[in-house]
Structure formats: structure tokens, C-alpha cells
Amino acid sequence: AGAPEPVRAVQAGARLFASPDLPDHPELARWALVPPE
């Protein structure tokens, strides 16, 4: 939220429940339902 360029932000987004270890979205790791492997 609040990204200055929303289109670029959505292109660099992630799945809320499938991002256990993404370096650009570390906050999402707590919601991951899938392990990195």
C-alpha cells in the first residue's frame, strides 16, 4: 500500500499465503501456508 507507482508495485507483488521467504516481502512470511521447498 502507498507505493508511488501502483502498477509497478502490483507487478512486484506476491501471493499472501505462498511467500515464505521472499526477500522483497519478508512481512508475508508469517502468513505462509507453504514451506520454501
Full PDB file with SEQRES, HELIX, SHEET, SSBOND, CRYST1, ORIGX, SCALE, CONECT and MASTER records, all heavy atoms in Angstrom:
SEQRES   1 A   37  ALA GLY ALA PRO GLU PRO VAL ARG ALA VAL GLN ALA GLY          
SEQRES   2 A   37  ALA ARG LEU PHE ALA SER PRO ASP LEU PRO ASP HIS PRO          
SEQRES   3 A   37  GLU LEU ALA ARG TRP ALA LEU VAL PRO PRO GLU                  
HELIX    1 AA1 PRO A    6  GLN A   11  1                                   6    
HELIX    2 AA2 PRO A   26  TRP A   31  5                                   6    
CRYST1    1.000    1.000    1.000  90.00  90.00  90.00 P 1           1          
ORIGX1      1.000000  0.000000  0.000000        0.00000                         
ORIGX2      0.000000  1.000000  0.000000        0.00000                         
ORIGX3      0.000000  0.000000  1.000000        0.00000                         
SCALE1      1.000000  0.000000  0.000000        0.00000                         
SCALE2      0.000000  1.000000  0.000000        0.00000                         
SCALE3      0.000000  0.000000  1.000000        0.00000                         
ATOM      1  N   ALA A   1       0.842  -1.193   0.000  1.00  0.00           N  
ATOM      2  CA  ALA A   1       0.000   0.000   0.000  1.00  0.00           C  
ATOM      3  C   ALA A   1       0.880   1.247   0.000  1.00  0.00           C  
ATOM      4  O   ALA A   1       1.990   1.246   0.546  1.00  0.00           O  
ATOM      5  CB  ALA A   1      -0.903  -0.003   1.232  1.00  0.00           C  
ATOM      6  N   GLY A   2       0.388   2.295  -0.610  1.00  0.00           N  
ATOM      7  CA  GLY A   2       1.101   3.572  -0.609  1.00  0.00           C  
ATOM      8  C   GLY A   2       2.265   3.650  -1.555  1.00  0.00           C  
ATOM      9  O   GLY A   2       3.038   4.625  -1.514  1.00  0.00           O  
ATOM     10  N   ALA A   3       2.438   2.677  -2.442  1.00  0.00           N  
ATOM     11  CA  ALA A   3       3.544   2.715  -3.396  1.00  0.00           C  
ATOM     12  C   ALA A   3       3.340   3.860  -4.382  1.00  0.00           C  
ATOM     13  O   ALA A   3       2.224   4.084  -4.847  1.00  0.00           O  
ATOM     14  CB  ALA A   3       3.646   1.389  -4.152  1.00  0.00           C  
ATOM     15  N   PRO A   4       4.412   4.601  -4.713  1.00  0.00           N  
ATOM     16  CA  PRO A   4       4.255   5.746  -5.624  1.00  0.00           C  
ATOM     17  C   PRO A   4       3.850   5.331  -7.036  1.00  0.00           C  
ATOM     18  O   PRO A   4       3.223   6.112  -7.745  1.00  0.00           O  
ATOM     19  CB  PRO A   4       5.642   6.398  -5.616  1.00  0.00           C  
ATOM     20  CG  PRO A   4       6.581   5.332  -5.155  1.00  0.00           C  
ATOM     21  CD  PRO A   4       5.791   4.474  -4.223  1.00  0.00           C  
ATOM     22  N   GLU A   5       4.193   4.112  -7.452  1.00  0.00           N  
ATOM     23  CA  GLU A   5       3.819   3.611  -8.773  1.00  0.00           C  
ATOM     24  C   GLU A   5       3.058   2.298  -8.585  1.00  0.00           C  
ATOM     25  O   GLU A   5       3.648   1.215  -8.580  1.00  0.00           O  
ATOM     26  CB  GLU A   5       5.051   3.393  -9.640  1.00  0.00           C  
ATOM     27  CG  GLU A   5       5.835   4.669  -9.926  1.00  0.00           C  
ATOM     28  CD  GLU A   5       7.025   4.404 -10.837  1.00  0.00           C  
ATOM     29  OE1 GLU A   5       6.801   3.942 -11.966  1.00  0.00           O  
ATOM     30  OE2 GLU A   5       8.164   4.648 -10.397  1.00  0.00           O  
ATOM     31  N   PRO A   6       1.732   2.369  -8.427  1.00  0.00           N  
ATOM     32  CA  PRO A   6       0.955   1.158  -8.119  1.00  0.00           C  
ATOM     33  C   PRO A   6       1.092   0.040  -9.151  1.00  0.00           C  
ATOM     34  O   PRO A   6       1.095  -1.131  -8.785  1.00  0.00           O  
ATOM     35  CB  PRO A   6      -0.489   1.684  -8.062  1.00  0.00           C  
ATOM     36  CG  PRO A   6      -0.346   3.134  -7.715  1.00  0.00           C  
ATOM     37  CD  PRO A   6       0.903   3.588  -8.394  1.00  0.00           C  
ATOM     38  N   VAL A   7       1.213   0.392 -10.446  1.00  0.00           N  
ATOM     39  CA  VAL A   7       1.326  -0.661 -11.456  1.00  0.00           C  
ATOM     40  C   VAL A   7       2.609  -1.459 -11.251  1.00  0.00           C  
ATOM     41  O   VAL A   7       2.616  -2.690 -11.299  1.00  0.00           O  
ATOM     42  CB  VAL A   7       1.268  -0.065 -12.876  1.00  0.00           C  
ATOM     43  CG1 VAL A   7       1.559  -1.145 -13.916  1.00  0.00           C  
ATOM     44  CG2 VAL A   7      -0.106   0.546 -13.136  1.00  0.00           C  
ATOM     45  N   ARG A   8       3.708  -0.771 -11.008  1.00  0.00           N  
ATOM     46  CA  ARG A   8       4.966  -1.472 -10.746  1.00  0.00           C  
ATOM     47  C   ARG A   8       4.870  -2.260  -9.440  1.00  0.00           C  
ATOM     48  O   ARG A   8       5.422  -3.360  -9.326  1.00  0.00           O  
ATOM     49  CB  ARG A   8       6.118  -0.480 -10.682  1.00  0.00           C  
ATOM     50  CG  ARG A   8       6.422   0.200 -12.022  1.00  0.00           C  
ATOM     51  CD  ARG A   8       7.694   0.984 -11.979  1.00  0.00           C  
ATOM     52  NE  ARG A   8       8.856   0.137 -11.742  1.00  0.00           N  
ATOM     53  CZ  ARG A   8      10.102   0.584 -11.682  1.00  0.00           C  
ATOM     54  NH1 ARG A   8      10.346   1.892 -11.819  1.00  0.00           N  
ATOM     55  NH2 ARG A   8      11.111  -0.244 -11.475  1.00  0.00           N  
ATOM     56  N   ALA A   9       4.165  -1.699  -8.471  1.00  0.00           N  
ATOM     57  CA  ALA A   9       4.034  -2.394  -7.185  1.00  0.00           C  
ATOM     58  C   ALA A   9       3.260  -3.698  -7.342  1.00  0.00           C  
ATOM     59  O   ALA A   9       3.633  -4.725  -6.769  1.00  0.00           O  
ATOM     60  CB  ALA A   9       3.347  -1.483  -6.171  1.00  0.00           C  
ATOM     61  N   VAL A  10       2.179  -3.672  -8.126  1.00  0.00           N  
ATOM     62  CA  VAL A  10       1.384  -4.889  -8.280  1.00  0.00           C  
ATOM     63  C   VAL A  10       2.148  -5.927  -9.093  1.00  0.00           C  
ATOM     64  O   VAL A  10       2.023  -7.139  -8.853  1.00  0.00           O  
ATOM     65  CB  VAL A  10       0.009  -4.574  -8.907  1.00  0.00           C  
ATOM     66  CG1 VAL A  10       0.089  -4.409 -10.424  1.00  0.00           C  
ATOM     67  CG2 VAL A  10      -1.009  -5.648  -8.556  1.00  0.00           C  
ATOM     68  N   GLN A  11       2.969  -5.487 -10.026  1.00  0.00           N  
ATOM     69  CA  GLN A  11       3.783  -6.426 -10.796  1.00  0.00           C  
ATOM     70  C   GLN A  11       4.834  -7.107  -9.920  1.00  0.00           C  
ATOM     71  O   GLN A  11       5.230  -8.240 -10.188  1.00  0.00           O  
ATOM     72  CB  GLN A  11       4.452  -5.697 -11.964  1.00  0.00           C  
ATOM     73  CG  GLN A  11       3.471  -5.239 -13.032  1.00  0.00           C  
ATOM     74  CD  GLN A  11       4.098  -4.318 -14.061  1.00  0.00           C  
ATOM     75  OE1 GLN A  11       5.253  -3.898 -13.915  1.00  0.00           O  
ATOM     76  NE2 GLN A  11       3.354  -3.980 -15.097  1.00  0.00           N  
ATOM     77  N   ALA A  12       5.265  -6.410  -8.876  1.00  0.00           N  
ATOM     78  CA  ALA A  12       6.260  -6.962  -7.958  1.00  0.00           C  
ATOM     79  C   ALA A  12       5.617  -7.529  -6.693  1.00  0.00           C  
ATOM     80  O   ALA A  12       6.282  -7.723  -5.686  1.00  0.00           O  
ATOM     81  CB  ALA A  12       7.271  -5.883  -7.578  1.00  0.00           C  
ATOM     82  N   GLY A  13       4.301  -7.791  -6.766  1.00  0.00           N  
ATOM     83  CA  GLY A  13       3.588  -8.300  -5.607  1.00  0.00           C  
ATOM     84  C   GLY A  13       3.855  -9.779  -5.359  1.00  0.00           C  
ATOM     85  O   GLY A  13       4.795 -10.365  -5.906  1.00  0.00           O  
ATOM     86  N   ALA A  14       2.987 -10.389  -4.545  1.00  0.00           N  
ATOM     87  CA  ALA A  14       3.187 -11.794  -4.167  1.00  0.00           C  
ATOM     88  C   ALA A  14       1.862 -12.377  -3.701  1.00  0.00           C  
ATOM     89  O   ALA A  14       0.904 -11.641  -3.423  1.00  0.00           O  
ATOM     90  CB  ALA A  14       4.227 -11.889  -3.056  1.00  0.00           C  
ATOM     91  N   ARG A  15       1.805 -13.707  -3.619  1.00  0.00           N  
ATOM     92  CA  ARG A  15       0.638 -14.380  -3.062  1.00  0.00           C  
ATOM     93  C   ARG A  15       0.705 -14.324  -1.536  1.00  0.00           C  
ATOM     94  O   ARG A  15       1.722 -14.667  -0.938  1.00  0.00           O  
ATOM     95  CB  ARG A  15       0.587 -15.843  -3.517  1.00  0.00           C  
ATOM     96  CG  ARG A  15       0.366 -16.039  -5.006  1.00  0.00           C  
ATOM     97  CD  ARG A  15      -1.059 -15.854  -5.416  1.00  0.00           C  
ATOM     98  NE  ARG A  15      -1.245 -16.036  -6.854  1.00  0.00           N  
ATOM     99  CZ  ARG A  15      -2.281 -15.578  -7.527  1.00  0.00           C  
ATOM    100  NH1 ARG A  15      -3.235 -14.909  -6.900  1.00  0.00           N  
ATOM    101  NH2 ARG A  15      -2.386 -15.783  -8.823  1.00  0.00           N  
ATOM    102  N   LEU A  16      -0.390 -13.891  -0.933  1.00  0.00           N  
ATOM    103  CA  LEU A  16      -0.413 -13.672   0.509  1.00  0.00           C  
ATOM    104  C   LEU A  16      -0.002 -14.915   1.294  1.00  0.00           C  
ATOM    105  O   LEU A  16       0.731 -14.822   2.281  1.00  0.00           O  
ATOM    106  CB  LEU A  16      -1.817 -13.222   0.937  1.00  0.00           C  
ATOM    107  CG  LEU A  16      -2.039 -12.976   2.424  1.00  0.00           C  
ATOM    108  CD1 LEU A  16      -1.128 -11.873   2.943  1.00  0.00           C  
ATOM    109  CD2 LEU A  16      -3.505 -12.617   2.687  1.00  0.00           C  
ATOM    110  N   PHE A  17      -0.466 -16.094   0.859  1.00  0.00           N  
ATOM    111  CA  PHE A  17      -0.233 -17.314   1.635  1.00  0.00           C  
ATOM    112  C   PHE A  17       0.854 -18.210   1.054  1.00  0.00           C  
ATOM    113  O   PHE A  17       0.996 -19.359   1.485  1.00  0.00           O  
ATOM    114  CB  PHE A  17      -1.543 -18.102   1.747  1.00  0.00           C  
ATOM    115  CG  PHE A  17      -2.632 -17.364   2.461  1.00  0.00           C  
ATOM    116  CD1 PHE A  17      -3.832 -17.091   1.821  1.00  0.00           C  
ATOM    117  CD2 PHE A  17      -2.469 -16.931   3.766  1.00  0.00           C  
ATOM    118  CE1 PHE A  17      -4.848 -16.407   2.468  1.00  0.00           C  
ATOM    119  CE2 PHE A  17      -3.472 -16.248   4.427  1.00  0.00           C  
ATOM    120  CZ  PHE A  17      -4.669 -15.976   3.775  1.00  0.00           C  
ATOM    121  N   ALA A  18       1.591 -17.704   0.060  1.00  0.00           N  
ATOM    122  CA  ALA A  18       2.614 -18.552  -0.567  1.00  0.00           C  
ATOM    123  C   ALA A  18       3.909 -17.783  -0.753  1.00  0.00           C  
ATOM    124  O   ALA A  18       4.544 -17.851  -1.802  1.00  0.00           O  
ATOM    125  CB  ALA A  18       2.101 -19.079  -1.909  1.00  0.00           C  
ATOM    126  N   SER A  19       4.307 -17.047   0.286  1.00  0.00           N  
ATOM    127  CA  SER A  19       5.536 -16.238   0.217  1.00  0.00           C  
ATOM    128  C   SER A  19       6.346 -16.426   1.493  1.00  0.00           C  
ATOM    129  O   SER A  19       6.500 -15.504   2.297  1.00  0.00           O  
ATOM    130  CB  SER A  19       5.164 -14.763   0.019  1.00  0.00           C  
ATOM    131  OG  SER A  19       4.362 -14.593  -1.138  1.00  0.00           O  
ATOM    132  N   PRO A  20       6.887 -17.631   1.714  1.00  0.00           N  
ATOM    133  CA  PRO A  20       7.557 -17.917   2.983  1.00  0.00           C  
ATOM    134  C   PRO A  20       8.923 -17.268   3.142  1.00  0.00           C  
ATOM    135  O   PRO A  20       9.386 -17.093   4.271  1.00  0.00           O  
ATOM    136  CB  PRO A  20       7.683 -19.444   2.971  1.00  0.00           C  
ATOM    137  CG  PRO A  20       7.755 -19.790   1.518  1.00  0.00           C  
ATOM    138  CD  PRO A  20       6.850 -18.811   0.829  1.00  0.00           C  
ATOM    139  N   ASP A  21       9.564 -16.905   2.025  1.00  0.00           N  
ATOM    140  CA  ASP A  21      10.943 -16.428   2.157  1.00  0.00           C  
ATOM    141  C   ASP A  21      11.328 -15.427   1.068  1.00  0.00           C  
ATOM    142  O   ASP A  21      12.475 -15.402   0.624  1.00  0.00           O  
ATOM    143  CB  ASP A  21      11.912 -17.616   2.124  1.00  0.00           C  
ATOM    144  CG  ASP A  21      11.818 -18.399   0.819  1.00  0.00           C  
ATOM    145  OD1 ASP A  21      10.908 -18.115   0.009  1.00  0.00           O  
ATOM    146  OD2 ASP A  21      12.659 -19.304   0.613  1.00  0.00           O  
ATOM    147  N   LEU A  22      10.391 -14.597   0.633  1.00  0.00           N  
ATOM    148  CA  LEU A  22      10.698 -13.640  -0.424  1.00  0.00           C  
ATOM    149  C   LEU A  22      11.441 -12.449   0.169  1.00  0.00           C  
ATOM    150  O   LEU A  22      10.925 -11.793   1.090  1.00  0.00           O  
ATOM    151  CB  LEU A  22       9.415 -13.162  -1.112  1.00  0.00           C  
ATOM    152  CG  LEU A  22       8.592 -14.236  -1.826  1.00  0.00           C  
ATOM    153  CD1 LEU A  22       7.392 -13.600  -2.515  1.00  0.00           C  
ATOM    154  CD2 LEU A  22       9.439 -15.010  -2.821  1.00  0.00           C  
ATOM    155  N   PRO A  23      12.608 -12.129  -0.334  1.00  0.00           N  
ATOM    156  CA  PRO A  23      13.387 -11.034   0.255  1.00  0.00           C  
ATOM    157  C   PRO A  23      12.720  -9.668   0.117  1.00  0.00           C  
ATOM    158  O   PRO A  23      12.944  -8.796   0.953  1.00  0.00           O  
ATOM    159  CB  PRO A  23      14.710 -11.085  -0.521  1.00  0.00           C  
ATOM    160  CG  PRO A  23      14.403 -11.829  -1.773  1.00  0.00           C  
ATOM    161  CD  PRO A  23      13.336 -12.801  -1.423  1.00  0.00           C  
ATOM    162  N   ASP A  24      11.868  -9.489  -0.907  1.00  0.00           N  
ATOM    163  CA  ASP A  24      11.208  -8.197  -1.085  1.00  0.00           C  
ATOM    164  C   ASP A  24       9.876  -8.121  -0.347  1.00  0.00           C  
ATOM    165  O   ASP A  24       9.233  -7.070  -0.334  1.00  0.00           O  
ATOM    166  CB  ASP A  24      11.007  -7.886  -2.572  1.00  0.00           C  
ATOM    167  CG  ASP A  24      10.303  -9.003  -3.323  1.00  0.00           C  
ATOM    168  OD1 ASP A  24      10.351 -10.151  -2.851  1.00  0.00           O  
ATOM    169  OD2 ASP A  24       9.709  -8.734  -4.387  1.00  0.00           O  
ATOM    170  N   HIS A  25       9.452  -9.232   0.256  1.00  0.00           N  
ATOM    171  CA  HIS A  25       8.208  -9.226   1.036  1.00  0.00           C  
ATOM    172  C   HIS A  25       8.386 -10.059   2.308  1.00  0.00           C  
ATOM    173  O   HIS A  25       7.636 -11.033   2.546  1.00  0.00           O  
ATOM    174  CB  HIS A  25       7.042  -9.784   0.208  1.00  0.00           C  
ATOM    175  CG  HIS A  25       6.635  -8.924  -0.938  1.00  0.00           C  
ATOM    176  ND1 HIS A  25       5.949  -7.736  -0.774  1.00  0.00           N  
ATOM    177  CD2 HIS A  25       6.838  -9.068  -2.273  1.00  0.00           C  
ATOM    178  CE1 HIS A  25       5.726  -7.201  -1.962  1.00  0.00           C  
ATOM    179  NE2 HIS A  25       6.264  -7.970  -2.886  1.00  0.00           N  
ATOM    180  N   PRO A  26       9.329  -9.701   3.159  1.00  0.00           N  
ATOM    181  CA  PRO A  26       9.556 -10.517   4.364  1.00  0.00           C  
ATOM    182  C   PRO A  26       8.355 -10.542   5.304  1.00  0.00           C  
ATOM    183  O   PRO A  26       8.181 -11.497   6.061  1.00  0.00           O  
ATOM    184  CB  PRO A  26      10.771  -9.847   5.015  1.00  0.00           C  
ATOM    185  CG  PRO A  26      10.769  -8.440   4.479  1.00  0.00           C  
ATOM    186  CD  PRO A  26      10.237  -8.548   3.089  1.00  0.00           C  
ATOM    187  N   GLU A  27       7.518  -9.484   5.259  1.00  0.00           N  
ATOM    188  CA  GLU A  27       6.366  -9.428   6.168  1.00  0.00           C  
ATOM    189  C   GLU A  27       5.367 -10.553   5.904  1.00  0.00           C  
ATOM    190  O   GLU A  27       4.581 -10.915   6.790  1.00  0.00           O  
ATOM    191  CB  GLU A  27       5.623  -8.088   6.030  1.00  0.00           C  
ATOM    192  CG  GLU A  27       6.507  -6.858   6.224  1.00  0.00           C  
ATOM    193  CD  GLU A  27       7.014  -6.303   4.905  1.00  0.00           C  
ATOM    194  OE1 GLU A  27       7.334  -7.118   3.995  1.00  0.00           O  
ATOM    195  OE2 GLU A  27       7.071  -5.078   4.767  1.00  0.00           O  
ATOM    196  N   LEU A  28       5.363 -11.086   4.678  1.00  0.00           N  
ATOM    197  CA  LEU A  28       4.366 -12.090   4.327  1.00  0.00           C  
ATOM    198  C   LEU A  28       4.719 -13.485   4.838  1.00  0.00           C  
ATOM    199  O   LEU A  28       3.880 -14.388   4.792  1.00  0.00           O  
ATOM    200  CB  LEU A  28       4.185 -12.143   2.804  1.00  0.00           C  
ATOM    201  CG  LEU A  28       3.685 -10.853   2.137  1.00  0.00           C  
ATOM    202  CD1 LEU A  28       3.469 -11.078   0.647  1.00  0.00           C  
ATOM    203  CD2 LEU A  28       2.396 -10.363   2.794  1.00  0.00           C  
ATOM    204  N   ALA A  29       5.941 -13.660   5.324  1.00  0.00           N  
ATOM    205  CA  ALA A  29       6.362 -14.996   5.773  1.00  0.00           C  
ATOM    206  C   ALA A  29       5.453 -15.529   6.879  1.00  0.00           C  
ATOM    207  O   ALA A  29       5.196 -16.739   6.944  1.00  0.00           O  
ATOM    208  CB  ALA A  29       7.810 -14.943   6.249  1.00  0.00           C  
ATOM    209  N   ARG A  30       4.948 -14.648   7.721  1.00  0.00           N  
ATOM    210  CA  ARG A  30       4.127 -15.110   8.847  1.00  0.00           C  
ATOM    211  C   ARG A  30       2.807 -15.725   8.391  1.00  0.00           C  
ATOM    212  O   ARG A  30       2.176 -16.478   9.132  1.00  0.00           O  
ATOM    213  CB  ARG A  30       3.852 -13.959   9.815  1.00  0.00           C  
ATOM    214  CG  ARG A  30       3.006 -12.834   9.247  1.00  0.00           C  
ATOM    215  CD  ARG A  30       2.713 -11.749  10.283  1.00  0.00           C  
ATOM    216  NE  ARG A  30       1.938 -12.261  11.399  1.00  0.00           N  
ATOM    217  CZ  ARG A  30       1.208 -11.483  12.197  1.00  0.00           C  
ATOM    218  NH1 ARG A  30       1.185 -10.159  12.016  1.00  0.00           N  
ATOM    219  NH2 ARG A  30       0.530 -12.003  13.180  1.00  0.00           N  
ATOM    220  N   TRP A  31       2.356 -15.395   7.156  1.00  0.00           N  
ATOM    221  CA  TRP A  31       1.086 -15.923   6.681  1.00  0.00           C  
ATOM    222  C   TRP A  31       1.261 -17.130   5.762  1.00  0.00           C  
ATOM    223  O   TRP A  31       0.281 -17.685   5.273  1.00  0.00           O  
ATOM    224  CB  TRP A  31       0.302 -14.849   5.916  1.00  0.00           C  
ATOM    225  CG  TRP A  31       0.175 -13.555   6.643  1.00  0.00           C  
ATOM    226  CD1 TRP A  31       0.567 -12.320   6.228  1.00  0.00           C  
ATOM    227  CD2 TRP A  31      -0.398 -13.362   7.933  1.00  0.00           C  
ATOM    228  NE1 TRP A  31       0.297 -11.375   7.176  1.00  0.00           N  
ATOM    229  CE2 TRP A  31      -0.311 -11.982   8.241  1.00  0.00           C  
ATOM    230  CE3 TRP A  31      -0.981 -14.216   8.877  1.00  0.00           C  
ATOM    231  CZ2 TRP A  31      -0.762 -11.441   9.427  1.00  0.00           C  
ATOM    232  CZ3 TRP A  31      -1.442 -13.678  10.071  1.00  0.00           C  
ATOM    233  CH2 TRP A  31      -1.330 -12.303  10.332  1.00  0.00           C  
ATOM    234  N   ALA A  32       2.488 -17.539   5.510  1.00  0.00           N  
ATOM    235  CA  ALA A  32       2.737 -18.608   4.541  1.00  0.00           C  
ATOM    236  C   ALA A  32       2.110 -19.929   4.989  1.00  0.00           C  
ATOM    237  O   ALA A  32       2.269 -20.352   6.137  1.00  0.00           O  
ATOM    238  CB  ALA A  32       4.224 -18.781   4.317  1.00  0.00           C  
ATOM    239  N   LEU A  33       1.398 -20.556   4.067  1.00  0.00           N  
ATOM    240  CA  LEU A  33       0.843 -21.889   4.299  1.00  0.00           C  
ATOM    241  C   LEU A  33       1.654 -22.955   3.585  1.00  0.00           C  
ATOM    242  O   LEU A  33       1.314 -24.133   3.639  1.00  0.00           O  
ATOM    243  CB  LEU A  33      -0.613 -21.935   3.805  1.00  0.00           C  
ATOM    244  CG  LEU A  33      -1.577 -20.931   4.433  1.00  0.00           C  
ATOM    245  CD1 LEU A  33      -2.974 -21.087   3.857  1.00  0.00           C  
ATOM    246  CD2 LEU A  33      -1.603 -21.074   5.947  1.00  0.00           C  
ATOM    247  N   VAL A  34       2.717 -22.515   2.917  1.00  0.00           N  
ATOM    248  CA  VAL A  34       3.562 -23.418   2.135  1.00  0.00           C  
ATOM    249  C   VAL A  34       5.014 -23.180   2.545  1.00  0.00           C  
ATOM    250  O   VAL A  34       5.462 -22.035   2.599  1.00  0.00           O  
ATOM    251  CB  VAL A  34       3.403 -23.134   0.627  1.00  0.00           C  
ATOM    252  CG1 VAL A  34       4.212 -24.129  -0.194  1.00  0.00           C  
ATOM    253  CG2 VAL A  34       1.939 -23.170   0.227  1.00  0.00           C  
ATOM    254  N   PRO A  35       5.768 -24.231   2.811  1.00  0.00           N  
ATOM    255  CA  PRO A  35       7.194 -24.052   3.140  1.00  0.00           C  
ATOM    256  C   PRO A  35       7.991 -23.722   1.882  1.00  0.00           C  
ATOM    257  O   PRO A  35       7.530 -23.942   0.758  1.00  0.00           O  
ATOM    258  CB  PRO A  35       7.594 -25.418   3.710  1.00  0.00           C  
ATOM    259  CG  PRO A  35       6.679 -26.381   3.028  1.00  0.00           C  
ATOM    260  CD  PRO A  35       5.372 -25.654   2.879  1.00  0.00           C  
ATOM    261  N   PRO A  36       9.210 -23.194   2.032  1.00  0.00           N  
ATOM    262  CA  PRO A  36      10.028 -22.843   0.859  1.00  0.00           C  
ATOM    263  C   PRO A  36      10.195 -23.987  -0.123  1.00  0.00           C  
ATOM    264  O   PRO A  36      10.179 -23.782  -1.344  1.00  0.00           O  
ATOM    265  CB  PRO A  36      11.367 -22.434   1.476  1.00  0.00           C  
ATOM    266  CG  PRO A  36      11.014 -21.950   2.850  1.00  0.00           C  
ATOM    267  CD  PRO A  36       9.881 -22.823   3.295  1.00  0.00           C  
ATOM    268  N   GLU A  37      10.336 -25.197   0.378  1.00  0.00           N  
ATOM    269  CA  GLU A  37      10.553 -26.330  -0.524  1.00  0.00           C  
ATOM    270  C   GLU A  37       9.281 -26.726  -1.283  1.00  0.00           C  
ATOM    271  O   GLU A  37       9.323 -27.548  -2.209  1.00  0.00           O  
ATOM    272  CB  GLU A  37      11.081 -27.542   0.237  1.00  0.00           C  
ATOM    273  CG  GLU A  37      10.184 -28.060   1.340  1.00  0.00           C  
ATOM    274  CD  GLU A  37      10.421 -27.378   2.688  1.00  0.00           C  
ATOM    275  OE1 GLU A  37      11.057 -26.284   2.703  1.00  0.00           O  
ATOM    276  OE2 GLU A  37       9.997 -27.935   3.705  1.00  0.00           O  
TER     277      GLU A  37                                                      
MASTER        0    0    0    2    0    0    0    6  276    1    0    3          
END                                                                             
